[in-house]
N, C-alpha and C. Protein backbone atom coordinates (compact mmCIF):
# COMPACT_ATOMS: atom_id res chain seq x y z
N THR A 1 18.73 17.37 13.44
CA THR A 1 19.91 16.49 12.99
C THR A 1 19.67 15.05 13.57
N ALA A 2 20.46 14.30 13.03
CA ALA A 2 20.27 12.78 13.49
C ALA A 2 20.79 12.76 14.91
N THR A 3 21.82 13.53 15.37
CA THR A 3 22.21 13.40 16.57
C THR A 3 21.29 13.95 17.73
N ASP A 4 20.43 15.01 17.33
CA ASP A 4 19.56 15.63 18.19
C ASP A 4 18.33 14.70 18.36
N GLY A 5 18.07 13.82 17.35
CA GLY A 5 16.88 12.95 17.38
C GLY A 5 17.31 11.51 17.89
N ASP A 6 18.58 11.27 18.09
CA ASP A 6 19.16 9.97 18.58
C ASP A 6 18.82 8.95 17.77
N LEU A 7 19.19 9.16 16.31
CA LEU A 7 18.96 8.12 15.37
C LEU A 7 19.59 6.76 15.55
N ILE A 8 20.81 6.83 16.20
CA ILE A 8 21.55 5.65 16.49
C ILE A 8 20.71 4.77 17.66
N GLY A 9 20.36 5.67 18.69
CA GLY A 9 19.44 4.90 19.67
C GLY A 9 18.23 4.34 19.16
N ARG A 10 17.62 5.22 18.23
CA ARG A 10 16.23 4.61 17.61
C ARG A 10 16.48 3.39 16.85
N GLY A 11 17.67 3.39 16.15
CA GLY A 11 17.94 2.24 15.33
C GLY A 11 18.35 1.06 16.19
N ARG A 12 18.80 1.04 17.33
CA ARG A 12 18.95 -0.08 18.14
C ARG A 12 17.89 -0.94 18.36
N GLY A 13 18.04 -2.17 18.10
CA GLY A 13 16.92 -3.07 18.25
C GLY A 13 15.65 -3.02 17.32
N ALA A 14 15.86 -2.16 16.32
CA ALA A 14 14.76 -1.98 15.37
C ALA A 14 14.99 -2.77 14.05
N LEU A 15 13.97 -3.41 13.52
CA LEU A 15 14.11 -4.12 12.35
C LEU A 15 14.10 -3.30 11.01
N SER A 16 13.59 -2.18 10.96
CA SER A 16 13.37 -1.45 9.85
C SER A 16 13.83 0.03 10.15
N ASP A 17 14.52 0.67 9.36
CA ASP A 17 14.81 2.25 9.60
C ASP A 17 13.85 3.11 9.11
N ASP A 18 12.97 2.71 8.29
CA ASP A 18 12.03 3.83 7.66
C ASP A 18 11.21 4.33 8.66
N TYR A 19 10.53 3.58 9.62
CA TYR A 19 9.65 4.18 10.67
C TYR A 19 10.48 4.90 11.73
N GLN A 20 11.68 4.42 12.00
CA GLN A 20 12.45 5.08 13.00
C GLN A 20 12.93 6.48 12.52
N VAL A 21 13.30 6.60 11.18
CA VAL A 21 13.61 8.01 10.81
C VAL A 21 12.32 8.79 10.73
N SER A 22 11.27 8.14 10.17
CA SER A 22 9.96 9.04 10.16
C SER A 22 9.66 9.59 11.52
N THR A 23 9.67 8.61 12.59
CA THR A 23 9.37 9.05 13.89
C THR A 23 10.32 10.17 14.46
N MET A 24 11.60 10.01 14.19
CA MET A 24 12.50 10.92 14.63
C MET A 24 12.30 12.27 14.06
N CYS A 25 12.01 12.28 12.75
CA CYS A 25 11.83 13.61 11.96
C CYS A 25 10.59 14.26 12.57
N ARG A 26 9.45 13.53 12.83
CA ARG A 26 8.23 14.15 13.27
C ARG A 26 8.49 14.66 14.70
N ALA A 27 9.37 13.93 15.57
CA ALA A 27 9.54 14.36 16.92
C ALA A 27 10.54 15.63 16.86
N LEU A 28 11.28 15.82 15.83
CA LEU A 28 12.07 17.13 15.65
C LEU A 28 11.32 18.25 14.94
N GLY A 29 10.12 17.90 14.55
CA GLY A 29 9.50 18.92 13.76
C GLY A 29 9.98 19.09 12.31
N LEU A 30 10.73 18.09 11.80
CA LEU A 30 11.20 18.13 10.47
C LEU A 30 10.15 17.32 9.47
N ARG A 31 10.34 17.70 8.19
CA ARG A 31 9.56 17.06 7.23
C ARG A 31 10.51 16.12 6.29
N ILE A 32 10.00 15.01 5.75
CA ILE A 32 10.61 14.24 4.72
C ILE A 32 9.99 14.49 3.48
N TYR A 33 10.79 14.72 2.52
CA TYR A 33 10.40 15.04 1.05
C TYR A 33 10.53 13.93 0.14
N PHE A 34 9.62 13.62 -0.74
CA PHE A 34 9.75 12.73 -1.76
C PHE A 34 10.52 13.44 -3.02
N VAL A 35 11.64 12.92 -3.54
CA VAL A 35 12.33 13.36 -4.49
C VAL A 35 12.42 12.40 -5.74
N PRO A 36 11.41 12.63 -6.69
CA PRO A 36 11.40 11.65 -7.79
C PRO A 36 12.64 11.27 -8.53
N ARG A 37 13.60 12.29 -8.63
CA ARG A 37 14.84 11.87 -9.22
C ARG A 37 15.57 10.91 -8.51
N CYS A 38 15.23 10.55 -7.32
CA CYS A 38 16.05 9.66 -6.56
C CYS A 38 15.56 8.19 -6.86
N LEU A 39 14.54 8.10 -7.44
CA LEU A 39 13.94 6.69 -7.82
C LEU A 39 14.92 6.00 -8.80
N VAL A 40 14.90 4.68 -8.52
CA VAL A 40 15.91 3.89 -9.38
C VAL A 40 14.99 2.72 -9.83
N ALA A 41 14.84 2.42 -11.13
CA ALA A 41 14.13 1.12 -11.47
C ALA A 41 14.97 0.00 -11.15
N SER A 42 14.51 -0.90 -10.38
CA SER A 42 15.26 -2.09 -10.03
C SER A 42 14.25 -3.30 -10.17
N PRO A 43 14.61 -3.97 -11.40
CA PRO A 43 13.77 -5.16 -11.78
C PRO A 43 13.93 -6.24 -10.67
N VAL A 44 12.73 -6.96 -10.49
CA VAL A 44 12.69 -7.95 -9.48
C VAL A 44 11.89 -9.03 -10.06
N ALA A 45 12.07 -10.27 -9.72
CA ALA A 45 11.29 -11.42 -10.16
C ALA A 45 10.69 -12.07 -8.93
N PHE A 46 9.39 -11.94 -8.69
CA PHE A 46 8.79 -12.52 -7.47
C PHE A 46 8.05 -13.70 -7.88
N ARG A 47 8.13 -14.88 -7.12
CA ARG A 47 7.08 -15.91 -7.11
C ARG A 47 5.98 -15.48 -6.25
N PHE A 48 4.92 -16.05 -6.53
CA PHE A 48 3.69 -15.59 -5.67
C PHE A 48 3.97 -15.59 -4.20
N ALA A 49 4.69 -16.76 -3.77
CA ALA A 49 5.07 -16.88 -2.19
C ALA A 49 5.83 -15.75 -1.82
N ASP A 50 6.85 -15.37 -2.59
CA ASP A 50 7.74 -14.23 -2.22
C ASP A 50 7.00 -12.91 -2.22
N LEU A 51 6.17 -12.65 -3.08
CA LEU A 51 5.23 -11.50 -3.20
C LEU A 51 4.54 -11.38 -1.93
N TRP A 52 3.78 -12.54 -1.60
CA TRP A 52 2.97 -12.64 -0.41
C TRP A 52 3.70 -12.37 0.86
N ASN A 53 4.95 -12.90 0.98
CA ASN A 53 5.70 -12.78 2.19
C ASN A 53 6.08 -11.30 2.37
N PHE A 54 6.60 -10.75 1.09
CA PHE A 54 6.97 -9.31 1.18
C PHE A 54 5.89 -8.43 1.59
N THR A 55 4.72 -8.62 1.04
CA THR A 55 3.54 -7.67 1.37
C THR A 55 3.17 -7.89 2.77
N CYS A 56 3.08 -9.08 3.28
CA CYS A 56 2.66 -9.31 4.77
C CYS A 56 3.71 -8.67 5.56
N ARG A 57 4.93 -8.86 5.22
CA ARG A 57 5.98 -8.34 6.13
C ARG A 57 5.91 -6.85 6.28
N GLN A 58 5.62 -6.16 5.31
CA GLN A 58 5.41 -4.77 5.18
C GLN A 58 4.33 -4.28 6.08
N TYR A 59 3.21 -4.98 6.05
CA TYR A 59 2.02 -4.71 6.79
C TYR A 59 2.20 -4.95 8.25
N VAL A 60 2.89 -6.08 8.67
CA VAL A 60 3.09 -6.44 9.90
C VAL A 60 3.96 -5.39 10.59
N ILE A 61 5.10 -5.05 9.81
CA ILE A 61 5.92 -3.95 10.40
C ILE A 61 5.04 -2.60 10.51
N THR A 62 4.26 -2.30 9.58
CA THR A 62 3.48 -1.11 9.67
C THR A 62 2.59 -1.16 10.96
N ARG A 63 1.94 -2.29 11.07
CA ARG A 63 0.97 -2.31 12.30
C ARG A 63 1.76 -2.15 13.49
N ILE A 64 3.09 -2.65 13.69
CA ILE A 64 3.69 -2.58 14.92
C ILE A 64 4.26 -1.18 14.98
N HIS A 65 4.77 -0.55 14.10
CA HIS A 65 5.38 0.77 14.06
C HIS A 65 4.53 2.00 13.97
N ALA A 66 3.31 1.74 13.21
CA ALA A 66 2.49 2.89 12.91
C ALA A 66 1.06 2.38 13.00
N PRO A 67 0.49 2.03 14.09
CA PRO A 67 -0.79 1.35 14.29
C PRO A 67 -1.94 2.21 13.59
N LYS A 68 -1.86 3.56 13.77
CA LYS A 68 -2.91 4.45 13.24
C LYS A 68 -2.88 4.45 11.71
N LEU A 69 -1.78 4.39 11.12
CA LEU A 69 -1.65 4.28 9.67
C LEU A 69 -2.18 2.84 9.27
N TYR A 70 -1.81 1.79 9.93
CA TYR A 70 -2.48 0.46 9.69
C TYR A 70 -3.95 0.46 9.66
N ALA A 71 -4.50 1.02 10.82
CA ALA A 71 -6.08 1.23 11.03
C ALA A 71 -6.63 1.99 9.75
N ALA A 72 -5.97 3.05 9.44
CA ALA A 72 -6.49 3.91 8.30
C ALA A 72 -6.45 2.91 7.05
N ALA A 73 -5.37 2.16 6.81
CA ALA A 73 -5.40 1.34 5.62
C ALA A 73 -6.53 0.36 5.64
N ILE A 74 -6.83 -0.34 6.71
CA ILE A 74 -8.03 -1.18 6.84
C ILE A 74 -9.29 -0.42 6.53
N GLY A 75 -9.40 0.86 7.15
CA GLY A 75 -10.61 1.58 7.14
C GLY A 75 -10.84 2.05 5.55
N PHE A 76 -9.93 2.56 4.93
CA PHE A 76 -10.05 3.15 3.68
C PHE A 76 -10.39 1.96 2.69
N HIS A 77 -9.53 0.95 2.78
CA HIS A 77 -9.81 -0.19 1.87
C HIS A 77 -11.18 -0.79 2.16
N SER A 78 -11.73 -0.89 3.30
CA SER A 78 -13.01 -1.48 3.75
C SER A 78 -14.10 -0.46 3.13
N LEU A 79 -13.94 0.66 3.32
CA LEU A 79 -14.84 1.68 2.83
C LEU A 79 -15.00 1.70 1.25
N PHE A 80 -13.96 1.64 0.59
CA PHE A 80 -13.91 1.61 -0.83
C PHE A 80 -14.48 0.30 -1.42
N LEU A 81 -14.24 -0.89 -0.83
CA LEU A 81 -14.80 -2.16 -1.18
C LEU A 81 -16.29 -2.26 -0.83
N ALA A 82 -16.69 -1.71 0.28
CA ALA A 82 -18.08 -1.64 0.67
C ALA A 82 -18.84 -0.84 -0.29
N GLY A 83 -18.25 0.29 -0.63
CA GLY A 83 -18.96 1.13 -1.69
C GLY A 83 -19.18 0.45 -3.05
N CYS A 84 -18.05 -0.11 -3.45
CA CYS A 84 -18.13 -0.85 -4.76
C CYS A 84 -19.15 -1.95 -4.75
N ALA A 85 -19.07 -2.69 -3.68
CA ALA A 85 -20.03 -4.04 -3.56
C ALA A 85 -21.44 -3.40 -3.46
N THR A 86 -21.71 -2.38 -2.74
CA THR A 86 -23.14 -1.77 -2.72
C THR A 86 -23.56 -1.27 -4.02
N ALA A 87 -22.77 -0.57 -4.77
CA ALA A 87 -23.11 0.01 -5.85
C ALA A 87 -23.35 -1.05 -6.97
N TRP A 88 -22.52 -2.06 -7.04
CA TRP A 88 -22.73 -3.09 -8.07
C TRP A 88 -23.94 -3.97 -7.72
N ALA A 89 -24.16 -4.26 -6.44
CA ALA A 89 -25.29 -5.03 -5.99
C ALA A 89 -26.61 -4.17 -6.30
N THR A 90 -26.61 -2.87 -6.16
CA THR A 90 -27.69 -1.99 -6.42
C THR A 90 -27.96 -2.01 -7.97
N LEU A 91 -26.84 -1.91 -8.64
CA LEU A 91 -27.01 -1.91 -10.24
C LEU A 91 -27.54 -3.27 -10.66
N LEU A 92 -27.10 -4.44 -10.19
CA LEU A 92 -27.52 -5.69 -10.67
C LEU A 92 -28.93 -6.13 -10.09
N LEU A 93 -29.30 -5.71 -8.78
CA LEU A 93 -30.52 -6.20 -8.26
C LEU A 93 -31.66 -5.32 -8.39
N ALA A 94 -31.46 -3.93 -8.42
CA ALA A 94 -32.57 -2.99 -8.45
C ALA A 94 -33.05 -2.83 -9.83
N PRO A 95 -34.37 -2.58 -10.02
CA PRO A 95 -34.92 -2.22 -11.25
C PRO A 95 -34.33 -0.70 -11.74
N ALA A 96 -34.05 -0.85 -13.07
CA ALA A 96 -33.39 0.25 -13.75
C ALA A 96 -34.36 1.61 -13.44
N SER A 97 -35.64 1.46 -13.28
CA SER A 97 -36.37 2.53 -13.09
C SER A 97 -36.30 3.32 -11.82
N GLU A 98 -35.64 2.57 -10.82
CA GLU A 98 -35.45 3.26 -9.53
C GLU A 98 -34.42 4.36 -9.47
N PRO A 99 -34.60 5.43 -8.71
CA PRO A 99 -33.64 6.50 -8.63
C PRO A 99 -32.33 5.90 -8.14
N LEU A 100 -32.39 5.00 -7.18
CA LEU A 100 -31.15 4.45 -6.54
C LEU A 100 -30.24 3.73 -7.68
N TRP A 101 -30.85 3.12 -8.63
CA TRP A 101 -30.13 2.47 -9.68
C TRP A 101 -29.24 3.55 -10.40
N THR A 102 -29.93 4.71 -10.70
CA THR A 102 -29.19 5.71 -11.34
C THR A 102 -27.93 6.18 -10.49
N VAL A 103 -28.22 6.41 -9.10
CA VAL A 103 -27.12 6.81 -8.28
C VAL A 103 -25.90 5.82 -8.35
N ALA A 104 -26.34 4.44 -8.28
CA ALA A 104 -25.35 3.47 -8.30
C ALA A 104 -24.47 3.40 -9.60
N LEU A 105 -25.08 3.65 -10.76
CA LEU A 105 -24.55 3.74 -12.00
C LEU A 105 -23.62 4.91 -12.09
N LEU A 106 -23.96 6.18 -11.48
CA LEU A 106 -23.05 7.28 -11.53
C LEU A 106 -22.00 7.04 -10.58
N ALA A 107 -22.13 6.31 -9.46
CA ALA A 107 -21.03 6.07 -8.53
C ALA A 107 -19.93 5.23 -9.31
N ILE A 108 -20.46 4.10 -9.88
CA ILE A 108 -19.50 3.29 -10.63
C ILE A 108 -18.83 3.99 -11.71
N LEU A 109 -19.48 4.78 -12.45
CA LEU A 109 -18.79 5.38 -13.55
C LEU A 109 -17.94 6.51 -12.92
N THR A 110 -18.20 7.23 -11.84
CA THR A 110 -17.23 8.09 -11.22
C THR A 110 -16.04 7.44 -10.81
N VAL A 111 -16.25 6.35 -10.02
CA VAL A 111 -15.05 5.67 -9.58
C VAL A 111 -14.13 5.00 -10.78
N CYS A 112 -14.81 4.54 -11.86
CA CYS A 112 -14.04 4.09 -13.00
C CYS A 112 -13.35 5.25 -13.65
N GLY A 113 -14.04 6.42 -13.69
CA GLY A 113 -13.35 7.53 -14.35
C GLY A 113 -12.15 7.96 -13.59
N ALA A 114 -12.26 7.97 -12.17
CA ALA A 114 -11.16 8.42 -11.41
C ALA A 114 -9.98 7.42 -11.49
N HIS A 115 -10.25 6.10 -11.68
CA HIS A 115 -9.31 5.13 -11.88
C HIS A 115 -8.49 5.49 -13.11
N GLN A 116 -9.24 5.92 -14.29
CA GLN A 116 -8.61 6.15 -15.47
C GLN A 116 -7.68 7.32 -15.44
N VAL A 117 -8.22 8.42 -14.79
CA VAL A 117 -7.33 9.58 -14.55
C VAL A 117 -6.13 9.33 -13.69
N ARG A 118 -6.33 8.58 -12.63
CA ARG A 118 -5.15 8.18 -11.72
C ARG A 118 -4.19 7.39 -12.43
N SER A 119 -4.73 6.39 -13.24
CA SER A 119 -3.85 5.68 -14.06
C SER A 119 -3.04 6.44 -15.19
N GLY A 120 -3.68 7.31 -15.70
CA GLY A 120 -2.97 8.29 -16.83
C GLY A 120 -1.82 8.93 -15.97
N PHE A 121 -2.16 9.50 -14.89
CA PHE A 121 -1.03 10.21 -14.13
C PHE A 121 0.14 9.17 -13.82
N ARG A 122 -0.18 8.02 -13.49
CA ARG A 122 0.84 7.08 -13.07
C ARG A 122 1.61 6.70 -14.27
N HIS A 123 0.95 6.49 -15.46
CA HIS A 123 1.67 6.15 -16.74
C HIS A 123 2.81 7.24 -16.98
N ARG A 124 2.24 8.53 -16.90
CA ARG A 124 3.14 9.59 -17.19
C ARG A 124 4.18 9.72 -16.23
N ALA A 125 3.97 9.39 -14.90
CA ALA A 125 5.05 9.53 -13.89
C ALA A 125 6.05 8.51 -14.08
N VAL A 126 5.59 7.31 -14.56
CA VAL A 126 6.55 6.22 -14.68
C VAL A 126 7.45 6.58 -15.96
N GLU A 127 6.85 6.97 -17.05
CA GLU A 127 7.76 7.37 -18.18
C GLU A 127 8.58 8.60 -17.90
N ARG A 128 8.13 9.50 -17.11
CA ARG A 128 8.92 10.79 -16.81
C ARG A 128 10.12 10.30 -15.96
N ALA A 129 9.89 9.40 -14.88
CA ALA A 129 10.92 9.14 -13.94
C ALA A 129 11.88 8.06 -14.68
N PHE A 130 11.39 7.06 -15.44
CA PHE A 130 12.38 6.02 -15.83
C PHE A 130 12.48 5.92 -17.26
N GLY A 131 11.67 6.59 -18.15
CA GLY A 131 11.76 6.64 -19.59
C GLY A 131 10.91 5.60 -20.26
N PRO A 132 10.70 5.62 -21.47
CA PRO A 132 9.86 4.90 -22.25
C PRO A 132 10.26 3.35 -22.19
N GLN A 133 11.48 3.05 -22.09
CA GLN A 133 11.93 1.62 -22.11
C GLN A 133 11.30 0.95 -20.81
N VAL A 134 11.54 1.44 -19.64
CA VAL A 134 10.95 0.94 -18.36
C VAL A 134 9.38 0.87 -18.49
N LYS A 135 8.86 1.95 -19.06
CA LYS A 135 7.32 1.83 -19.22
C LYS A 135 6.89 0.67 -20.06
N ARG A 136 7.62 0.51 -21.12
CA ARG A 136 7.30 -0.68 -21.83
C ARG A 136 7.43 -1.98 -21.11
N CYS A 137 8.40 -2.13 -20.28
CA CYS A 137 8.59 -3.32 -19.50
C CYS A 137 7.55 -3.51 -18.36
N LEU A 138 6.96 -2.36 -18.04
CA LEU A 138 5.79 -2.45 -17.10
C LEU A 138 4.42 -2.49 -17.71
N LYS A 139 4.38 -2.63 -19.04
CA LYS A 139 3.17 -2.61 -19.77
C LYS A 139 1.95 -3.41 -19.11
N VAL A 140 2.43 -4.61 -18.75
CA VAL A 140 1.26 -5.55 -18.20
C VAL A 140 0.77 -4.97 -16.79
N THR A 141 1.86 -4.62 -15.85
CA THR A 141 1.47 -3.98 -14.65
C THR A 141 0.66 -2.73 -14.79
N LEU A 142 0.99 -1.88 -15.67
CA LEU A 142 0.22 -0.70 -15.94
C LEU A 142 -1.14 -0.90 -16.45
N ARG A 143 -1.26 -1.89 -17.24
CA ARG A 143 -2.50 -2.38 -17.70
C ARG A 143 -3.50 -2.77 -16.59
N LEU A 144 -2.88 -3.63 -15.73
CA LEU A 144 -3.71 -4.09 -14.68
C LEU A 144 -3.92 -2.96 -13.67
N ASP A 145 -3.11 -1.93 -13.45
CA ASP A 145 -3.40 -0.86 -12.65
C ASP A 145 -4.60 -0.13 -13.26
N ARG A 146 -4.69 -0.01 -14.56
CA ARG A 146 -5.74 0.90 -15.23
C ARG A 146 -7.06 -0.04 -15.09
N TRP A 147 -7.02 -1.29 -15.38
CA TRP A 147 -8.41 -2.00 -15.64
C TRP A 147 -8.75 -2.92 -14.43
N ALA A 148 -7.94 -3.28 -13.45
CA ALA A 148 -8.18 -4.06 -12.51
C ALA A 148 -8.04 -3.58 -11.07
N THR A 149 -8.21 -2.36 -10.94
CA THR A 149 -8.12 -1.67 -9.63
C THR A 149 -8.88 -2.25 -8.42
N THR A 150 -10.19 -2.47 -8.82
CA THR A 150 -11.00 -3.02 -7.70
C THR A 150 -10.55 -4.41 -7.34
N LEU A 151 -10.22 -5.24 -8.20
CA LEU A 151 -9.57 -6.52 -7.96
C LEU A 151 -8.37 -6.57 -6.97
N TRP A 152 -7.50 -5.51 -7.49
CA TRP A 152 -6.26 -5.48 -6.66
C TRP A 152 -6.43 -4.85 -5.27
N MET A 153 -7.48 -3.90 -5.10
CA MET A 153 -7.75 -3.40 -3.85
C MET A 153 -8.40 -4.44 -2.96
N CYS A 154 -9.16 -5.42 -3.58
CA CYS A 154 -9.75 -6.52 -2.78
C CYS A 154 -8.59 -7.45 -2.32
N ALA A 155 -7.68 -7.76 -3.15
CA ALA A 155 -6.51 -8.55 -2.71
C ALA A 155 -5.67 -7.77 -1.72
N HIS A 156 -5.48 -6.53 -1.73
CA HIS A 156 -4.75 -5.73 -0.83
C HIS A 156 -5.42 -5.75 0.32
N TRP A 157 -6.73 -5.60 0.42
CA TRP A 157 -7.58 -5.65 1.60
C TRP A 157 -7.51 -6.95 2.29
N LEU A 158 -7.39 -8.11 1.71
CA LEU A 158 -7.31 -9.40 2.24
C LEU A 158 -5.88 -9.58 2.82
N VAL A 159 -4.94 -9.05 2.28
CA VAL A 159 -3.51 -9.15 3.05
C VAL A 159 -3.51 -8.29 4.17
N ILE A 160 -4.12 -7.09 4.18
CA ILE A 160 -4.12 -6.17 5.36
C ILE A 160 -4.88 -6.88 6.45
N LEU A 161 -5.97 -7.50 6.21
CA LEU A 161 -6.82 -8.24 7.24
C LEU A 161 -5.83 -9.44 7.70
N ARG A 162 -5.26 -10.19 6.78
CA ARG A 162 -4.44 -11.31 7.28
C ARG A 162 -3.34 -10.95 8.25
N CYS A 163 -2.88 -9.63 8.09
CA CYS A 163 -1.74 -9.09 8.96
C CYS A 163 -2.23 -8.60 10.18
N ALA A 164 -3.51 -8.55 10.36
CA ALA A 164 -4.06 -8.01 11.71
C ALA A 164 -3.76 -8.68 12.90
N VAL A 165 -3.40 -9.98 12.74
CA VAL A 165 -2.97 -10.87 13.84
C VAL A 165 -1.44 -11.33 13.59
N GLY A 166 -0.83 -11.62 14.68
CA GLY A 166 0.52 -12.24 14.62
C GLY A 166 1.54 -11.14 14.61
N ARG A 167 2.74 -11.53 14.86
CA ARG A 167 3.90 -10.53 15.06
C ARG A 167 5.10 -11.36 14.43
N ARG A 168 5.08 -12.37 13.79
CA ARG A 168 6.06 -13.16 13.26
C ARG A 168 6.19 -12.80 11.78
N ILE A 169 7.43 -12.58 11.30
CA ILE A 169 7.82 -12.27 9.90
C ILE A 169 8.95 -13.22 9.50
N ARG A 170 9.16 -13.32 8.26
CA ARG A 170 10.37 -13.92 7.74
C ARG A 170 10.99 -12.87 6.83
N TRP A 171 12.21 -12.63 6.84
CA TRP A 171 13.04 -11.77 6.01
C TRP A 171 14.28 -12.39 5.73
N ARG A 172 14.61 -12.59 4.46
CA ARG A 172 15.79 -13.15 3.90
C ARG A 172 16.21 -14.38 4.65
N GLY A 173 15.19 -15.21 4.82
CA GLY A 173 15.31 -16.66 5.38
C GLY A 173 15.46 -16.73 6.95
N MET A 174 15.33 -15.51 7.65
CA MET A 174 15.34 -15.51 9.06
C MET A 174 13.98 -15.22 9.69
N GLY A 175 13.59 -15.68 10.75
CA GLY A 175 12.46 -15.51 11.35
C GLY A 175 12.54 -14.52 12.42
N TYR A 176 11.48 -13.58 12.64
CA TYR A 176 11.56 -12.51 13.55
C TYR A 176 10.22 -12.37 14.31
N TRP A 177 10.37 -12.20 15.59
CA TRP A 177 8.97 -11.76 16.34
C TRP A 177 9.20 -10.30 16.59
N LEU A 178 8.11 -9.61 16.30
CA LEU A 178 8.13 -8.07 16.41
C LEU A 178 7.34 -7.84 17.71
N LEU A 179 8.15 -7.65 18.80
CA LEU A 179 7.36 -7.41 20.14
C LEU A 179 7.10 -5.93 20.35
N GLY A 180 7.78 -5.11 19.61
CA GLY A 180 7.53 -3.76 19.63
C GLY A 180 8.42 -2.90 18.52
N PRO A 181 8.40 -1.62 18.38
CA PRO A 181 9.11 -1.07 17.49
C PRO A 181 10.52 -1.28 17.54
N GLN A 182 11.13 -1.41 18.75
CA GLN A 182 12.46 -1.63 19.06
C GLN A 182 12.80 -2.82 19.95
N ARG A 183 11.77 -3.77 19.86
CA ARG A 183 11.95 -4.96 20.56
C ARG A 183 11.73 -6.12 19.60
N ILE A 184 12.80 -6.62 18.94
CA ILE A 184 12.84 -7.73 17.94
C ILE A 184 13.52 -8.93 18.43
N GLN A 185 12.89 -10.01 18.27
CA GLN A 185 13.46 -11.24 18.65
C GLN A 185 13.76 -12.22 17.50
N ARG A 186 14.97 -12.60 17.31
CA ARG A 186 15.12 -13.69 16.24
C ARG A 186 14.75 -15.02 16.71
N ASN A 187 14.15 -15.68 15.85
CA ASN A 187 13.83 -17.17 16.10
C ASN A 187 14.11 -18.02 15.03
């Protein structure tokens, strides 16, 4: 229970409750479950600067609260992008008669196929959770998800790298220094 895990104490001095609840549940041997019916479509209009600030804030918070998760994000994105770059470079630079060229082509086709399958699942999940009207509103986003995954993974990787240094974030017009999971200083 929240009392056993000292949720109030964990929340004291914390900027975000997500990681505090996750840490408490893990300490108590409890699990957190995703319940799709609890999702709510909430339209939002971001300017690029707002989107950048939101994304950076999430990764800085993650780096402070869950450094292993943050390191895994850097590692997995780096591995994916290095694999894509290597496969494309091989495909473009090696003669088509070389066996490595065929391996590179198969790797690219496999990754593209996996993107299509994942995207199809995501399209169905959006429609099932929110209905066809919301899916129509997300048409451009879902199309980008299907066809521009590598581009978005690259942009995502750049944001993750950008957040590898610094502890300052802005949230709702306020500046904060994240000195630790429960050591926040307003500035």
